[in-house]
């Protein structure tokens, strides 16, 4: 299972910046469009995440938070079949 590292973590060699979330949105959107993601429950959860990461509220934030990163990580693992949440 992969984990994202927030820039304030003790081992802050990696940062998750806004462009990373844009890439995630593109990959997940394409996964649905090209039917690589087919489970209806997963699609609903991914679409909820897409709405979150494309919202005006998210775009107005100055910094991404640990919560944002945790949620993105859950979505990635959900699509990979490694959990059943967000």
Protein backbone atom coordinates (compact mmCIF):
# COMPACT_ATOMS: atom_id res chain seq x y z
CA UNK A 1 0.00 0.00 0.00
CA UNK A 2 1.42 3.37 -0.96
CA UNK A 3 1.33 6.44 1.23
CA UNK A 4 1.72 10.10 0.45
CA UNK A 5 4.04 12.17 2.60
CA UNK A 6 2.93 15.63 3.67
CA UNK A 7 5.50 18.42 3.57
CA UNK A 8 5.32 18.84 7.35
CA UNK A 9 6.07 15.22 8.14
CA UNK A 10 9.36 14.42 9.93
CA UNK A 11 10.68 12.86 6.71
CA UNK A 12 9.59 15.67 4.41
CA UNK A 13 11.57 14.74 1.33
CA UNK A 14 8.35 14.74 -0.70
CA UNK A 15 5.59 17.30 -1.00
CA UNK A 16 2.12 16.92 -2.43
CA UNK A 17 1.30 20.09 -4.27
CA UNK A 18 -1.86 21.22 -5.99
CA UNK A 19 -0.66 19.99 -9.40
CA UNK A 20 -0.41 16.46 -7.99
CA UNK A 21 -4.13 16.60 -7.14
CA UNK A 22 -4.88 17.80 -10.68
CA UNK A 23 -3.01 14.77 -12.01
CA UNK A 24 -4.94 12.49 -9.67
CA UNK A 25 -8.23 13.98 -10.88
CA UNK A 26 -7.19 13.40 -14.50
CA UNK A 27 -6.19 9.78 -13.88
CA UNK A 28 -9.34 8.95 -11.92
CA UNK A 29 -11.59 10.71 -14.45
CA UNK A 30 -9.98 8.78 -17.28
CA UNK A 31 -10.34 5.56 -15.31
CA UNK A 32 -14.09 6.08 -15.25
CA UNK A 33 -14.36 7.41 -18.82
CA UNK A 34 -12.36 4.54 -20.32
CA UNK A 35 -14.08 1.98 -18.09
CA UNK A 36 -10.96 0.94 -16.23
CA UNK A 37 -12.92 1.60 -13.04
CA UNK A 38 -16.12 -0.40 -13.34
CA UNK A 39 -17.43 -1.15 -9.85
CA UNK A 40 -20.48 1.13 -9.35
CA UNK A 41 -19.73 1.66 -5.66
CA UNK A 42 -16.12 2.59 -6.39
CA UNK A 43 -17.25 4.93 -9.17
CA UNK A 44 -19.60 6.76 -6.78
CA UNK A 45 -16.82 7.18 -4.21
CA UNK A 46 -14.32 8.33 -6.83
CA UNK A 47 -16.81 10.82 -8.23
CA UNK A 48 -17.28 12.22 -4.71
CA UNK A 49 -13.50 12.65 -4.49
CA UNK A 50 -13.40 14.30 -7.90
CA UNK A 51 -16.01 16.82 -6.78
CA UNK A 52 -13.96 17.56 -3.68
CA UNK A 53 -10.68 18.07 -5.52
CA UNK A 54 -12.24 20.17 -8.30
CA UNK A 55 -14.32 22.38 -6.01
CA UNK A 56 -13.81 26.11 -5.64
CA UNK A 57 -13.25 25.56 -1.93
CA UNK A 58 -10.32 23.23 -2.61
CA UNK A 59 -8.83 25.58 -5.21
CA UNK A 60 -9.02 28.54 -2.82
CA UNK A 61 -7.00 26.74 -0.13
CA UNK A 62 -3.50 28.08 0.33
CA UNK A 63 -2.06 24.70 1.33
CA UNK A 64 -3.18 21.13 1.04
CA UNK A 65 -3.75 19.41 4.37
CA UNK A 66 -2.97 16.03 5.84
CA UNK A 67 -6.68 15.33 5.55
CA UNK A 68 -6.61 16.07 1.79
CA UNK A 69 -3.65 13.76 1.36
CA UNK A 70 -5.22 11.01 3.48
CA UNK A 71 -8.42 11.22 1.42
CA UNK A 72 -6.50 11.04 -1.86
CA UNK A 73 -4.56 8.05 -0.54
CA UNK A 74 -7.83 6.31 0.36
CA UNK A 75 -9.16 6.92 -3.15
CA UNK A 76 -6.03 5.50 -4.75
CA UNK A 77 -6.15 2.41 -2.55
CA UNK A 78 -9.88 2.03 -3.19
CA UNK A 79 -9.32 1.98 -6.94
CA UNK A 80 -6.46 -0.48 -6.49
CA UNK A 81 -8.80 -2.70 -4.47
CA UNK A 82 -6.89 -2.27 -1.22
CA UNK A 83 -9.75 -0.87 0.88
CA UNK A 84 -13.45 -0.11 0.76
CA UNK A 85 -13.57 3.39 2.25
CA UNK A 86 -13.79 6.87 1.73
